[in-house]
Amino acid sequence: MYPEFNDLRLPQLIELFWDRRFDSVDAGDGSIYYSEVAWRIVQRGHEGLQFLLDTANNCSVGQLRGILVALSFPPCLDDPRIDHLIEACLDNSHPIIIADAIRALASRGKAELINRVLSFQNHSCEYVRGSVLVFMRRLYPQQSLLLLLDALHDPHYIVRESAIDELDDLGDVSAISAIEPFLTDPEGDVRQAARTAIENLMDRLRYPEDYLEDGVE
């Protein structure tokens, strides 16, 4: 998204990272911008990674979100300091940081933290509840079906949409009948997710040979 950043040196990227105008109300929290800059900082080697680790405790919400995305972008760096930082973010006061941390743990394959993640299953923030669904579908696909089906009835449309998306990615065609009622959901995003999921799952029924590598029967 920002190809002009590709050839910048680490000091220049750090200067861009500290551009706080992206924290303004008009610009949103700037997490996309910060993710782009942080990812390039990581690519600059040990010094870049150290900068992000040192900065994580003294930055804005948008900047921290960018760091979490950059540190969980595949191929993930194998460094216990990264896992410690992400796990510590589960105690952050901002729900959106908790949600991003759970998604980062999913991306980094930290399946052993299942109990910690499931403790957020009934969190008051819809983004946190949705991130739990992502974690479970990615790392515990066989156990996630009932959780995803239950989440279809969440009062917030963000969670319903996330549940449908994850059922789609799970590829279990038995979920079609459970998704069909959401073709008439009050929220357009949920209706669209339901249409897409049903089309994809029906395609699996028609052409099962095309999905043999998924390991979903």
N, C-alpha and C. Protein backbone atom coordinates (compact mmCIF):
# COMPACT_ATOMS: atom_id res chain seq x y z
N MET A 1 0.82 -1.21 0.00
CA MET A 1 0.00 0.00 0.00
C MET A 1 0.86 1.26 0.00
N TYR A 2 2.06 1.15 0.54
CA TYR A 2 2.98 2.29 0.57
C TYR A 2 4.31 1.87 -0.06
N PRO A 3 4.34 1.66 -1.38
CA PRO A 3 5.58 1.21 -2.03
C PRO A 3 6.73 2.20 -1.88
N GLU A 4 6.39 3.46 -1.60
CA GLU A 4 7.45 4.46 -1.42
C GLU A 4 8.29 4.21 -0.18
N PHE A 5 7.83 3.31 0.70
CA PHE A 5 8.57 2.98 1.92
C PHE A 5 9.63 1.89 1.69
N ASN A 6 9.55 1.21 0.56
CA ASN A 6 10.34 0.00 0.35
C ASN A 6 11.85 0.19 0.52
N ASP A 7 12.37 1.29 0.01
CA ASP A 7 13.82 1.47 -0.01
C ASP A 7 14.35 2.37 1.10
N LEU A 8 13.48 2.70 2.06
CA LEU A 8 13.91 3.59 3.13
C LEU A 8 14.78 2.85 4.13
N ARG A 9 15.72 3.56 4.72
CA ARG A 9 16.59 2.99 5.74
C ARG A 9 15.87 3.04 7.09
N LEU A 10 16.42 2.28 8.04
CA LEU A 10 15.78 2.17 9.35
C LEU A 10 15.53 3.52 10.01
N PRO A 11 16.47 4.44 10.08
CA PRO A 11 16.19 5.74 10.72
C PRO A 11 15.03 6.48 10.06
N GLN A 12 14.91 6.37 8.75
CA GLN A 12 13.81 7.03 8.06
C GLN A 12 12.47 6.38 8.41
N LEU A 13 12.46 5.07 8.50
CA LEU A 13 11.24 4.36 8.85
C LEU A 13 10.82 4.68 10.28
N ILE A 14 11.79 4.76 11.18
CA ILE A 14 11.49 5.11 12.57
C ILE A 14 10.89 6.50 12.65
N GLU A 15 11.41 7.42 11.86
CA GLU A 15 10.86 8.77 11.83
C GLU A 15 9.41 8.75 11.36
N LEU A 16 9.12 7.94 10.34
CA LEU A 16 7.74 7.81 9.86
C LEU A 16 6.84 7.18 10.92
N PHE A 17 7.39 6.22 11.65
CA PHE A 17 6.59 5.54 12.67
C PHE A 17 6.14 6.51 13.75
N TRP A 18 6.97 7.52 14.04
CA TRP A 18 6.63 8.47 15.09
C TRP A 18 5.79 9.64 14.57
N ASP A 19 5.30 9.55 13.35
CA ASP A 19 4.44 10.59 12.79
C ASP A 19 3.05 10.46 13.41
N ARG A 20 2.79 11.20 14.45
CA ARG A 20 1.58 11.01 15.24
C ARG A 20 0.32 11.60 14.60
N ARG A 21 0.44 12.21 13.43
CA ARG A 21 -0.77 12.76 12.81
C ARG A 21 -1.77 11.66 12.46
N PHE A 22 -1.29 10.44 12.34
CA PHE A 22 -2.19 9.33 12.02
C PHE A 22 -2.98 8.87 13.23
N ASP A 23 -2.74 9.49 14.38
CA ASP A 23 -3.56 9.22 15.55
C ASP A 23 -4.73 10.19 15.67
N SER A 24 -4.82 11.12 14.74
CA SER A 24 -5.88 12.13 14.81
C SER A 24 -7.24 11.49 14.57
N VAL A 25 -8.28 12.18 15.00
CA VAL A 25 -9.64 11.66 14.85
C VAL A 25 -9.98 11.47 13.38
N ASP A 26 -9.61 12.44 12.55
CA ASP A 26 -9.94 12.38 11.12
C ASP A 26 -9.26 11.21 10.42
N ALA A 27 -8.07 10.89 10.86
CA ALA A 27 -7.31 9.83 10.20
C ALA A 27 -7.54 8.46 10.82
N GLY A 28 -8.41 8.38 11.83
CA GLY A 28 -8.59 7.12 12.53
C GLY A 28 -7.37 6.82 13.37
N ASP A 29 -7.22 5.57 13.77
CA ASP A 29 -6.07 5.25 14.63
C ASP A 29 -4.81 4.97 13.82
N GLY A 30 -4.92 4.98 12.49
CA GLY A 30 -3.74 4.83 11.66
C GLY A 30 -3.11 3.46 11.68
N SER A 31 -3.85 2.44 12.12
CA SER A 31 -3.23 1.12 12.29
C SER A 31 -2.72 0.55 10.97
N ILE A 32 -3.39 0.84 9.87
CA ILE A 32 -2.92 0.33 8.58
C ILE A 32 -1.58 0.97 8.23
N TYR A 33 -1.51 2.28 8.39
CA TYR A 33 -0.25 2.98 8.13
C TYR A 33 0.86 2.45 9.02
N TYR A 34 0.58 2.34 10.32
CA TYR A 34 1.60 1.87 11.25
C TYR A 34 1.99 0.43 10.98
N SER A 35 1.05 -0.39 10.54
CA SER A 35 1.37 -1.78 10.20
C SER A 35 2.35 -1.84 9.05
N GLU A 36 2.13 -0.99 8.05
CA GLU A 36 3.02 -0.95 6.89
C GLU A 36 4.43 -0.54 7.30
N VAL A 37 4.52 0.52 8.11
CA VAL A 37 5.83 1.00 8.53
C VAL A 37 6.50 -0.02 9.44
N ALA A 38 5.75 -0.56 10.40
CA ALA A 38 6.32 -1.53 11.35
C ALA A 38 6.81 -2.78 10.63
N TRP A 39 6.08 -3.24 9.63
CA TRP A 39 6.50 -4.43 8.91
C TRP A 39 7.85 -4.20 8.22
N ARG A 40 8.02 -3.01 7.67
CA ARG A 40 9.29 -2.70 7.01
C ARG A 40 10.42 -2.54 8.03
N ILE A 41 10.08 -2.05 9.20
CA ILE A 41 11.07 -1.95 10.27
C ILE A 41 11.55 -3.34 10.67
N VAL A 42 10.63 -4.29 10.77
CA VAL A 42 11.00 -5.67 11.10
C VAL A 42 11.95 -6.23 10.05
N GLN A 43 11.72 -5.89 8.79
CA GLN A 43 12.56 -6.40 7.71
C GLN A 43 13.99 -5.87 7.77
N ARG A 44 14.23 -4.84 8.59
CA ARG A 44 15.57 -4.27 8.68
C ARG A 44 16.46 -5.01 9.66
N GLY A 45 15.99 -6.16 10.16
CA GLY A 45 16.83 -7.00 10.99
C GLY A 45 16.71 -6.77 12.48
N HIS A 46 17.74 -7.19 13.21
CA HIS A 46 17.72 -7.17 14.68
C HIS A 46 17.42 -5.78 15.23
N GLU A 47 18.04 -4.75 14.69
CA GLU A 47 17.83 -3.40 15.21
C GLU A 47 16.38 -2.97 15.04
N GLY A 48 15.79 -3.34 13.91
CA GLY A 48 14.40 -2.99 13.68
C GLY A 48 13.48 -3.68 14.66
N LEU A 49 13.68 -4.98 14.87
CA LEU A 49 12.87 -5.73 15.83
C LEU A 49 13.04 -5.15 17.22
N GLN A 50 14.26 -4.85 17.61
CA GLN A 50 14.50 -4.31 18.94
C GLN A 50 13.79 -2.98 19.14
N PHE A 51 13.78 -2.16 18.10
CA PHE A 51 13.06 -0.88 18.19
C PHE A 51 11.58 -1.11 18.49
N LEU A 52 10.94 -2.03 17.78
CA LEU A 52 9.52 -2.28 17.99
C LEU A 52 9.25 -2.84 19.38
N LEU A 53 10.10 -3.75 19.82
CA LEU A 53 9.91 -4.32 21.16
C LEU A 53 10.07 -3.26 22.24
N ASP A 54 11.04 -2.37 22.06
CA ASP A 54 11.27 -1.30 23.04
C ASP A 54 10.17 -0.26 23.00
N THR A 55 9.55 -0.10 21.83
CA THR A 55 8.57 0.96 21.63
C THR A 55 7.17 0.55 22.08
N ALA A 56 6.90 -0.74 22.13
CA ALA A 56 5.55 -1.23 22.35
C ALA A 56 4.91 -0.72 23.64
N ASN A 57 5.71 -0.44 24.65
CA ASN A 57 5.16 0.03 25.92
C ASN A 57 5.05 1.55 26.00
N ASN A 58 5.38 2.22 24.92
CA ASN A 58 5.36 3.69 24.95
C ASN A 58 4.88 4.24 23.62
N CYS A 59 3.72 3.74 23.17
CA CYS A 59 3.21 4.21 21.88
C CYS A 59 1.69 4.28 21.93
N SER A 60 1.11 4.81 20.89
CA SER A 60 -0.33 4.96 20.81
C SER A 60 -1.00 3.63 20.51
N VAL A 61 -2.32 3.61 20.62
CA VAL A 61 -3.08 2.40 20.31
C VAL A 61 -2.86 2.00 18.85
N GLY A 62 -2.91 2.98 17.95
CA GLY A 62 -2.70 2.68 16.54
C GLY A 62 -1.32 2.13 16.26
N GLN A 63 -0.32 2.69 16.91
CA GLN A 63 1.05 2.20 16.72
C GLN A 63 1.21 0.79 17.27
N LEU A 64 0.63 0.52 18.42
CA LEU A 64 0.73 -0.82 18.99
C LEU A 64 0.01 -1.84 18.12
N ARG A 65 -1.13 -1.44 17.57
CA ARG A 65 -1.84 -2.34 16.65
C ARG A 65 -0.94 -2.66 15.45
N GLY A 66 -0.26 -1.63 14.95
CA GLY A 66 0.64 -1.85 13.82
C GLY A 66 1.77 -2.81 14.17
N ILE A 67 2.31 -2.67 15.37
CA ILE A 67 3.38 -3.57 15.82
C ILE A 67 2.88 -5.01 15.89
N LEU A 68 1.69 -5.21 16.45
CA LEU A 68 1.14 -6.56 16.58
C LEU A 68 0.95 -7.21 15.21
N VAL A 69 0.47 -6.44 14.26
CA VAL A 69 0.28 -6.98 12.91
C VAL A 69 1.63 -7.34 12.30
N ALA A 70 2.59 -6.42 12.41
CA ALA A 70 3.90 -6.64 11.79
C ALA A 70 4.60 -7.86 12.38
N LEU A 71 4.45 -8.08 13.68
CA LEU A 71 5.14 -9.20 14.34
C LEU A 71 4.44 -10.54 14.13
N SER A 72 3.25 -10.51 13.55
CA SER A 72 2.54 -11.77 13.31
C SER A 72 2.33 -12.02 11.82
N PHE A 73 3.01 -11.22 10.99
CA PHE A 73 2.88 -11.41 9.54
C PHE A 73 3.79 -12.54 9.09
N PRO A 74 3.22 -13.52 8.39
CA PRO A 74 4.05 -14.67 7.98
C PRO A 74 5.09 -14.28 6.92
N PRO A 75 6.24 -14.94 6.96
CA PRO A 75 6.66 -15.96 7.95
C PRO A 75 7.04 -15.31 9.27
N CYS A 76 6.47 -15.81 10.35
CA CYS A 76 6.66 -15.19 11.67
C CYS A 76 8.08 -15.42 12.19
N LEU A 77 8.63 -14.39 12.79
CA LEU A 77 9.94 -14.53 13.42
C LEU A 77 9.82 -15.39 14.67
N ASP A 78 10.77 -16.28 14.85
CA ASP A 78 10.78 -17.15 16.02
C ASP A 78 11.62 -16.49 17.11
N ASP A 79 10.95 -15.71 17.95
CA ASP A 79 11.64 -15.00 19.02
C ASP A 79 10.72 -14.97 20.23
N PRO A 80 11.10 -15.56 21.36
CA PRO A 80 10.23 -15.62 22.53
C PRO A 80 9.83 -14.24 23.04
N ARG A 81 10.63 -13.21 22.76
CA ARG A 81 10.27 -11.86 23.20
C ARG A 81 9.00 -11.38 22.50
N ILE A 82 8.83 -11.80 21.27
CA ILE A 82 7.62 -11.43 20.52
C ILE A 82 6.40 -12.07 21.16
N ASP A 83 6.50 -13.35 21.46
CA ASP A 83 5.37 -14.06 22.08
C ASP A 83 5.05 -13.46 23.45
N HIS A 84 6.07 -13.07 24.19
CA HIS A 84 5.85 -12.46 25.50
C HIS A 84 5.11 -11.14 25.35
N LEU A 85 5.50 -10.32 24.38
CA LEU A 85 4.83 -9.05 24.15
C LEU A 85 3.37 -9.25 23.78
N ILE A 86 3.12 -10.17 22.85
CA ILE A 86 1.74 -10.39 22.40
C ILE A 86 0.87 -10.91 23.53
N GLU A 87 1.41 -11.86 24.31
CA GLU A 87 0.63 -12.39 25.42
C GLU A 87 0.36 -11.30 26.46
N ALA A 88 1.33 -10.43 26.69
CA ALA A 88 1.13 -9.33 27.64
C ALA A 88 0.02 -8.40 27.19
N CYS A 89 -0.18 -8.29 25.88
CA CYS A 89 -1.23 -7.41 25.34
C CYS A 89 -2.63 -7.92 25.66
N LEU A 90 -2.74 -9.17 26.09
CA LEU A 90 -4.04 -9.68 26.50
C LEU A 90 -4.54 -8.99 27.77
N ASP A 91 -3.63 -8.31 28.47
CA ASP A 91 -4.00 -7.57 29.68
C ASP A 91 -4.14 -6.08 29.42
N ASN A 92 -4.11 -5.68 28.15
CA ASN A 92 -4.22 -4.27 27.80
C ASN A 92 -5.60 -3.73 28.13
N SER A 93 -5.67 -2.45 28.45
CA SER A 93 -6.95 -1.84 28.81
C SER A 93 -7.83 -1.55 27.59
N HIS A 94 -7.26 -1.60 26.40
CA HIS A 94 -8.02 -1.33 25.18
C HIS A 94 -8.48 -2.65 24.55
N PRO A 95 -9.79 -2.88 24.45
CA PRO A 95 -10.28 -4.13 23.88
C PRO A 95 -9.76 -4.42 22.47
N ILE A 96 -9.57 -3.39 21.66
CA ILE A 96 -9.11 -3.63 20.30
C ILE A 96 -7.69 -4.20 20.29
N ILE A 97 -6.89 -3.83 21.29
CA ILE A 97 -5.55 -4.41 21.41
C ILE A 97 -5.64 -5.88 21.80
N ILE A 98 -6.56 -6.20 22.70
CA ILE A 98 -6.76 -7.60 23.09
C ILE A 98 -7.18 -8.42 21.87
N ALA A 99 -8.10 -7.87 21.08
CA ALA A 99 -8.55 -8.57 19.87
C ALA A 99 -7.40 -8.81 18.91
N ASP A 100 -6.59 -7.77 18.69
CA ASP A 100 -5.44 -7.92 17.78
C ASP A 100 -4.43 -8.92 18.32
N ALA A 101 -4.24 -8.92 19.64
CA ALA A 101 -3.30 -9.86 20.25
C ALA A 101 -3.76 -11.30 20.06
N ILE A 102 -5.05 -11.55 20.20
CA ILE A 102 -5.58 -12.90 20.01
C ILE A 102 -5.39 -13.35 18.57
N ARG A 103 -5.63 -12.44 17.63
CA ARG A 103 -5.41 -12.78 16.22
C ARG A 103 -3.92 -13.03 15.95
N ALA A 104 -3.08 -12.25 16.61
CA ALA A 104 -1.63 -12.45 16.44
C ALA A 104 -1.21 -13.82 16.98
N LEU A 105 -1.77 -14.21 18.10
CA LEU A 105 -1.47 -15.53 18.65
C LEU A 105 -1.91 -16.63 17.70
N ALA A 106 -3.05 -16.41 17.05
CA ALA A 106 -3.53 -17.38 16.06
C ALA A 106 -2.55 -17.47 14.89
N SER A 107 -2.11 -16.33 14.41
CA SER A 107 -1.18 -16.30 13.28
C SER A 107 0.15 -16.97 13.63
N ARG A 108 0.56 -16.84 14.89
CA ARG A 108 1.83 -17.41 15.32
C ARG A 108 1.69 -18.85 15.83
N GLY A 109 0.47 -19.38 15.74
CA GLY A 109 0.27 -20.79 16.08
C GLY A 109 0.40 -21.12 17.55
N LYS A 110 0.06 -20.18 18.42
CA LYS A 110 0.23 -20.41 19.86
C LYS A 110 -0.98 -21.15 20.45
N ALA A 111 -1.15 -22.38 19.99
CA ALA A 111 -2.31 -23.18 20.39
C ALA A 111 -2.34 -23.47 21.88
N GLU A 112 -1.18 -23.46 22.52
CA GLU A 112 -1.13 -23.79 23.94
C GLU A 112 -1.81 -22.75 24.82
N LEU A 113 -2.13 -21.59 24.25
CA LEU A 113 -2.80 -20.53 25.02
C LEU A 113 -4.31 -20.59 24.88
N ILE A 114 -4.84 -21.74 24.51
CA ILE A 114 -6.28 -21.86 24.29
C ILE A 114 -7.11 -21.45 25.49
N ASN A 115 -6.73 -21.85 26.68
CA ASN A 115 -7.52 -21.51 27.86
C ASN A 115 -7.53 -20.01 28.12
N ARG A 116 -6.39 -19.40 27.92
CA ARG A 116 -6.30 -17.93 28.08
C ARG A 116 -7.19 -17.24 27.07
N VAL A 117 -7.18 -17.71 25.85
CA VAL A 117 -8.00 -17.09 24.80
C VAL A 117 -9.49 -17.33 25.05
N LEU A 118 -9.84 -18.54 25.43
CA LEU A 118 -11.25 -18.84 25.66
C LEU A 118 -11.83 -18.06 26.84
N SER A 119 -10.98 -17.53 27.70
CA SER A 119 -11.47 -16.72 28.82
C SER A 119 -12.10 -15.42 28.31
N PHE A 120 -11.84 -15.09 27.03
CA PHE A 120 -12.42 -13.88 26.44
C PHE A 120 -13.66 -14.17 25.60
N GLN A 121 -14.12 -15.39 25.66
CA GLN A 121 -15.24 -15.81 24.81
C GLN A 121 -16.48 -14.96 25.02
N ASN A 122 -16.71 -14.49 26.24
CA ASN A 122 -17.89 -13.68 26.55
C ASN A 122 -17.53 -12.24 26.88
N HIS A 123 -16.44 -11.78 26.34
CA HIS A 123 -15.98 -10.40 26.56
C HIS A 123 -17.04 -9.41 26.07
N SER A 124 -17.09 -8.25 26.69
CA SER A 124 -18.09 -7.25 26.33
C SER A 124 -17.87 -6.64 24.94
N CYS A 125 -16.65 -6.72 24.43
CA CYS A 125 -16.32 -6.14 23.13
C CYS A 125 -16.53 -7.17 22.02
N GLU A 126 -17.28 -6.79 21.02
CA GLU A 126 -17.57 -7.70 19.91
C GLU A 126 -16.32 -8.09 19.12
N TYR A 127 -15.35 -7.19 19.04
CA TYR A 127 -14.13 -7.50 18.29
C TYR A 127 -13.30 -8.57 19.01
N VAL A 128 -13.33 -8.52 20.33
CA VAL A 128 -12.62 -9.55 21.10
C VAL A 128 -13.30 -10.90 20.93
N ARG A 129 -14.62 -10.92 21.03
CA ARG A 129 -15.36 -12.17 20.85
C ARG A 129 -15.11 -12.74 19.45
N GLY A 130 -15.08 -11.86 18.46
CA GLY A 130 -14.82 -12.31 17.10
C GLY A 130 -13.43 -12.88 16.93
N SER A 131 -12.45 -12.29 17.60
CA SER A 131 -11.07 -12.77 17.48
C SER A 131 -10.92 -14.15 18.09
N VAL A 132 -11.69 -14.46 19.11
CA VAL A 132 -11.65 -15.80 19.70
C VAL A 132 -12.08 -16.84 18.67
N LEU A 133 -13.07 -16.49 17.87
CA LEU A 133 -13.54 -17.40 16.82
C LEU A 133 -12.44 -17.67 15.80
N VAL A 134 -11.71 -16.61 15.45
CA VAL A 134 -10.60 -16.76 14.50
C VAL A 134 -9.54 -17.71 15.07
N PHE A 135 -9.18 -17.49 16.32
CA PHE A 135 -8.17 -18.33 16.97
C PHE A 135 -8.59 -19.80 16.96
N MET A 136 -9.82 -20.06 17.35
CA MET A 136 -10.28 -21.44 17.46
C MET A 136 -10.37 -22.11 16.10
N ARG A 137 -10.88 -21.40 15.11
CA ARG A 137 -11.01 -22.02 13.79
C ARG A 137 -9.64 -22.33 13.19
N ARG A 138 -8.67 -21.44 13.41
CA ARG A 138 -7.35 -21.67 12.83
C ARG A 138 -6.58 -22.77 13.53
N LEU A 139 -6.63 -22.77 14.87
CA LEU A 139 -5.76 -23.67 15.62
C LEU A 139 -6.47 -24.91 16.17
N TYR A 140 -7.79 -24.85 16.28
CA TYR A 140 -8.56 -26.00 16.77
C TYR A 140 -9.77 -26.22 15.87
N PRO A 141 -9.56 -26.47 14.59
CA PRO A 141 -10.68 -26.57 13.65
C PRO A 141 -11.69 -27.65 14.02
N GLN A 142 -11.23 -28.77 14.52
CA GLN A 142 -12.15 -29.86 14.84
C GLN A 142 -13.05 -29.52 16.02
N GLN A 143 -12.54 -28.71 16.93
CA GLN A 143 -13.32 -28.34 18.12
C GLN A 143 -14.10 -27.04 17.95
N SER A 144 -13.90 -26.36 16.85
CA SER A 144 -14.45 -25.01 16.72
C SER A 144 -15.88 -24.96 16.21
N LEU A 145 -16.37 -26.04 15.59
CA LEU A 145 -17.67 -25.98 14.93
C LEU A 145 -18.79 -25.55 15.86
N LEU A 146 -18.92 -26.18 17.00
CA LEU A 146 -20.01 -25.84 17.92
C LEU A 146 -19.89 -24.40 18.42
N LEU A 147 -18.67 -23.96 18.67
CA LEU A 147 -18.44 -22.59 19.11
C LEU A 147 -18.89 -21.60 18.04
N LEU A 148 -18.56 -21.89 16.79
CA LEU A 148 -18.94 -21.00 15.69
C LEU A 148 -20.45 -20.99 15.48
N LEU A 149 -21.07 -22.15 15.57
CA LEU A 149 -22.52 -22.22 15.42
C LEU A 149 -23.23 -21.43 16.51
N ASP A 150 -22.72 -21.52 17.72
CA ASP A 150 -23.31 -20.77 18.83
C ASP A 150 -23.14 -19.27 18.62
N ALA A 151 -22.00 -18.87 18.07
CA ALA A 151 -21.73 -17.45 17.86
C ALA A 151 -22.62 -16.83 16.79
N LEU A 152 -23.26 -17.65 15.98
CA LEU A 152 -24.19 -17.12 14.98
C LEU A 152 -25.33 -16.35 15.63
N HIS A 153 -25.58 -16.63 16.88
CA HIS A 153 -26.70 -16.00 17.58
C HIS A 153 -26.25 -14.86 18.49
N ASP A 154 -25.02 -14.43 18.32
CA ASP A 154 -24.52 -13.30 19.10
C ASP A 154 -25.35 -12.06 18.78
N PRO A 155 -25.63 -11.22 19.78
CA PRO A 155 -26.43 -10.02 19.53
C PRO A 155 -25.76 -8.99 18.64
N HIS A 156 -24.43 -9.05 18.51
CA HIS A 156 -23.75 -8.04 17.69
C HIS A 156 -23.44 -8.61 16.31
N TYR A 157 -23.73 -7.81 15.28
CA TYR A 157 -23.56 -8.30 13.92
C TYR A 157 -22.11 -8.59 13.57
N ILE A 158 -21.16 -7.89 14.21
CA ILE A 158 -19.74 -8.14 13.94
C ILE A 158 -19.38 -9.60 14.25
N VAL A 159 -19.90 -10.09 15.35
CA VAL A 159 -19.61 -11.47 15.76
C VAL A 159 -20.34 -12.45 14.86
N ARG A 160 -21.58 -12.15 14.50
CA ARG A 160 -22.32 -13.03 13.59
C ARG A 160 -21.60 -13.12 12.24
N GLU A 161 -21.16 -11.98 11.74
CA GLU A 161 -20.43 -11.98 10.48
C GLU A 161 -19.13 -12.78 10.59
N SER A 162 -18.41 -12.59 11.69
CA SER A 162 -17.17 -13.32 11.90
C SER A 162 -17.42 -14.82 11.98
N ALA A 163 -18.48 -15.22 12.68
CA ALA A 163 -18.81 -16.64 12.80
C ALA A 163 -19.09 -17.25 11.43
N ILE A 164 -19.82 -16.54 10.60
CA ILE A 164 -20.13 -17.03 9.25
C ILE A 164 -18.86 -17.14 8.42
N ASP A 165 -18.02 -16.11 8.49
CA ASP A 165 -16.75 -16.14 7.75
C ASP A 165 -15.89 -17.34 8.16
N GLU A 166 -15.84 -17.59 9.46
CA GLU A 166 -15.01 -18.70 9.95
C GLU A 166 -15.62 -20.06 9.60
N LEU A 167 -16.94 -20.14 9.60
CA LEU A 167 -17.59 -21.38 9.16
C LEU A 167 -17.29 -21.62 7.68
N ASP A 168 -17.28 -20.56 6.92
CA ASP A 168 -16.91 -20.65 5.50
C ASP A 168 -15.50 -21.20 5.37
N ASP A 169 -14.56 -20.62 6.11
CA ASP A 169 -13.16 -21.06 6.04
C ASP A 169 -12.98 -22.47 6.60
N LEU A 170 -13.80 -22.83 7.58
CA LEU A 170 -13.72 -24.18 8.15
C LEU A 170 -14.08 -25.23 7.10
N GLY A 171 -15.01 -24.87 6.24
CA GLY A 171 -15.35 -25.76 5.13
C GLY A 171 -16.24 -26.93 5.47
N ASP A 172 -16.93 -26.87 6.61
CA ASP A 172 -17.82 -27.95 7.01
C ASP A 172 -19.20 -27.69 6.40
N VAL A 173 -19.57 -28.51 5.41
CA VAL A 173 -20.81 -28.26 4.68
C VAL A 173 -22.05 -28.48 5.55
N SER A 174 -21.89 -29.13 6.69
CA SER A 174 -23.05 -29.32 7.57
C SER A 174 -23.54 -28.00 8.15
N ALA A 175 -22.74 -26.93 8.01
CA ALA A 175 -23.12 -25.63 8.55
C ALA A 175 -24.04 -24.86 7.62
N ILE A 176 -24.28 -25.36 6.42
CA ILE A 176 -25.10 -24.61 5.45
C ILE A 176 -26.48 -24.28 6.01
N SER A 177 -27.14 -25.26 6.57
CA SER A 177 -28.50 -25.04 7.07
C SER A 177 -28.52 -24.04 8.21
N ALA A 178 -27.45 -24.00 9.00
CA ALA A 178 -27.38 -23.05 10.12
C ALA A 178 -27.14 -21.63 9.62
N ILE A 179 -26.46 -21.50 8.48
CA ILE A 179 -26.14 -20.18 7.94
C ILE A 179 -27.31 -19.60 7.15
N GLU A 180 -28.12 -20.44 6.55
CA GLU A 180 -29.19 -19.98 5.65
C GLU A 180 -30.12 -18.92 6.27
N PRO A 181 -30.52 -19.04 7.54
CA PRO A 181 -31.40 -18.01 8.10
C PRO A 181 -30.80 -16.60 8.09
N PHE A 182 -29.48 -16.51 8.00
CA PHE A 182 -28.83 -15.21 8.06
C PHE A 182 -28.78 -14.52 6.69
N LEU A 183 -29.38 -15.17 5.70
CA LEU A 183 -29.57 -14.51 4.41
C LEU A 183 -30.56 -13.36 4.54
N THR A 184 -31.32 -13.35 5.63
CA THR A 184 -32.28 -12.27 5.88
C THR A 184 -31.93 -11.51 7.16
N ASP A 185 -30.69 -11.57 7.59
CA ASP A 185 -30.25 -10.83 8.78
C ASP A 185 -30.49 -9.34 8.60
N PRO A 186 -30.80 -8.61 9.66
CA PRO A 186 -31.01 -7.16 9.55
C PRO A 186 -29.78 -6.40 9.03
N GLU A 187 -28.58 -6.95 9.23
CA GLU A 187 -27.36 -6.26 8.82
C GLU A 187 -26.88 -6.76 7.45
N GLY A 188 -26.63 -5.79 6.57
CA GLY A 188 -26.18 -6.13 5.22
C GLY A 188 -24.89 -6.91 5.18
N ASP A 189 -23.94 -6.58 6.07
CA ASP A 189 -22.66 -7.29 6.08
C ASP A 189 -22.85 -8.76 6.42
N VAL A 190 -23.79 -9.04 7.31
CA VAL A 190 -24.06 -10.43 7.68
C VAL A 190 -24.73 -11.16 6.52
N ARG A 191 -25.67 -10.50 5.87
CA ARG A 191 -26.33 -11.13 4.71
C ARG A 191 -25.32 -11.47 3.62
N GLN A 192 -24.39 -10.53 3.35
CA GLN A 192 -23.39 -10.77 2.33
C GLN A 192 -22.47 -11.92 2.72
N ALA A 193 -22.07 -11.95 3.98
CA ALA A 193 -21.21 -13.04 4.46
C ALA A 193 -21.93 -14.38 4.31
N ALA A 194 -23.22 -14.40 4.62
CA ALA A 194 -24.00 -15.64 4.50
C ALA A 194 -24.09 -16.10 3.05
N ARG A 195 -24.34 -15.16 2.14
CA ARG A 195 -24.42 -15.52 0.73
C ARG A 195 -23.11 -16.12 0.24
N THR A 196 -22.01 -15.46 0.59
CA THR A 196 -20.69 -15.93 0.16
C THR A 196 -20.38 -17.31 0.75
N ALA A 197 -20.65 -17.47 2.04
CA ALA A 197 -20.35 -18.74 2.70
C ALA A 197 -21.17 -19.88 2.10
N ILE A 198 -22.44 -19.65 1.86
CA ILE A 198 -23.29 -20.70 1.29
C ILE A 198 -22.83 -21.07 -0.12
N GLU A 199 -22.49 -20.06 -0.91
CA GLU A 199 -21.98 -20.34 -2.26
C GLU A 199 -20.72 -21.20 -2.20
N ASN A 200 -19.79 -20.84 -1.29
CA ASN A 200 -18.54 -21.58 -1.19
C ASN A 200 -18.75 -22.99 -0.68
N LEU A 201 -19.62 -23.14 0.32
CA LEU A 201 -19.86 -24.46 0.89
C LEU A 201 -20.64 -25.34 -0.08
N MET A 202 -21.56 -24.76 -0.83
CA MET A 202 -22.27 -25.52 -1.85
C MET A 202 -21.31 -25.97 -2.94
N ASP A 203 -20.34 -25.15 -3.24
CA ASP A 203 -19.32 -25.51 -4.22
C ASP A 203 -18.53 -26.72 -3.74
N ARG A 204 -18.29 -26.79 -2.43
CA ARG A 204 -17.61 -27.96 -1.87
C ARG A 204 -18.44 -29.22 -2.06
N LEU A 205 -19.76 -29.08 -1.94
CA LEU A 205 -20.63 -30.22 -2.13
C LEU A 205 -20.63 -30.70 -3.58
N ARG A 206 -20.60 -29.74 -4.50
CA ARG A 206 -20.65 -30.09 -5.91
C ARG A 206 -19.33 -30.63 -6.44
N TYR A 207 -18.23 -30.07 -5.91
CA TYR A 207 -16.91 -30.46 -6.42
C TYR A 207 -15.98 -30.84 -5.27
N PRO A 208 -16.32 -31.90 -4.55
CA PRO A 208 -15.51 -32.27 -3.36
C PRO A 208 -14.06 -32.59 -3.70
N GLU A 209 -13.83 -33.06 -4.93
CA GLU A 209 -12.47 -33.42 -5.30
C GLU A 209 -11.54 -32.21 -5.33
N ASP A 210 -12.11 -31.03 -5.49
CA ASP A 210 -11.28 -29.82 -5.53
C ASP A 210 -10.81 -29.40 -4.15
N TYR A 211 -11.35 -30.01 -3.09
CA TYR A 211 -11.04 -29.59 -1.72
C TYR A 211 -10.42 -30.70 -0.89
N LEU A 212 -9.92 -31.74 -1.54
CA LEU A 212 -9.37 -32.88 -0.82
C LEU A 212 -8.19 -32.48 0.07
N GLU A 213 -7.40 -31.50 -0.37
CA GLU A 213 -6.22 -31.10 0.41
C GLU A 213 -6.60 -30.41 1.71
N ASP A 214 -7.83 -29.91 1.79
CA ASP A 214 -8.25 -29.21 3.01
C ASP A 214 -8.43 -30.18 4.17
N GLY A 215 -8.68 -31.43 3.87
CA GLY A 215 -8.88 -32.41 4.93
C GLY A 215 -10.24 -32.30 5.57
N VAL A 216 -11.19 -31.62 4.89
CA VAL A 216 -12.55 -31.49 5.43
C VAL A 216 -13.45 -32.43 4.67
N GLU A 217 -14.18 -33.25 5.38
CA GLU A 217 -15.07 -34.20 4.73
C GLU A 217 -16.46 -33.61 4.62
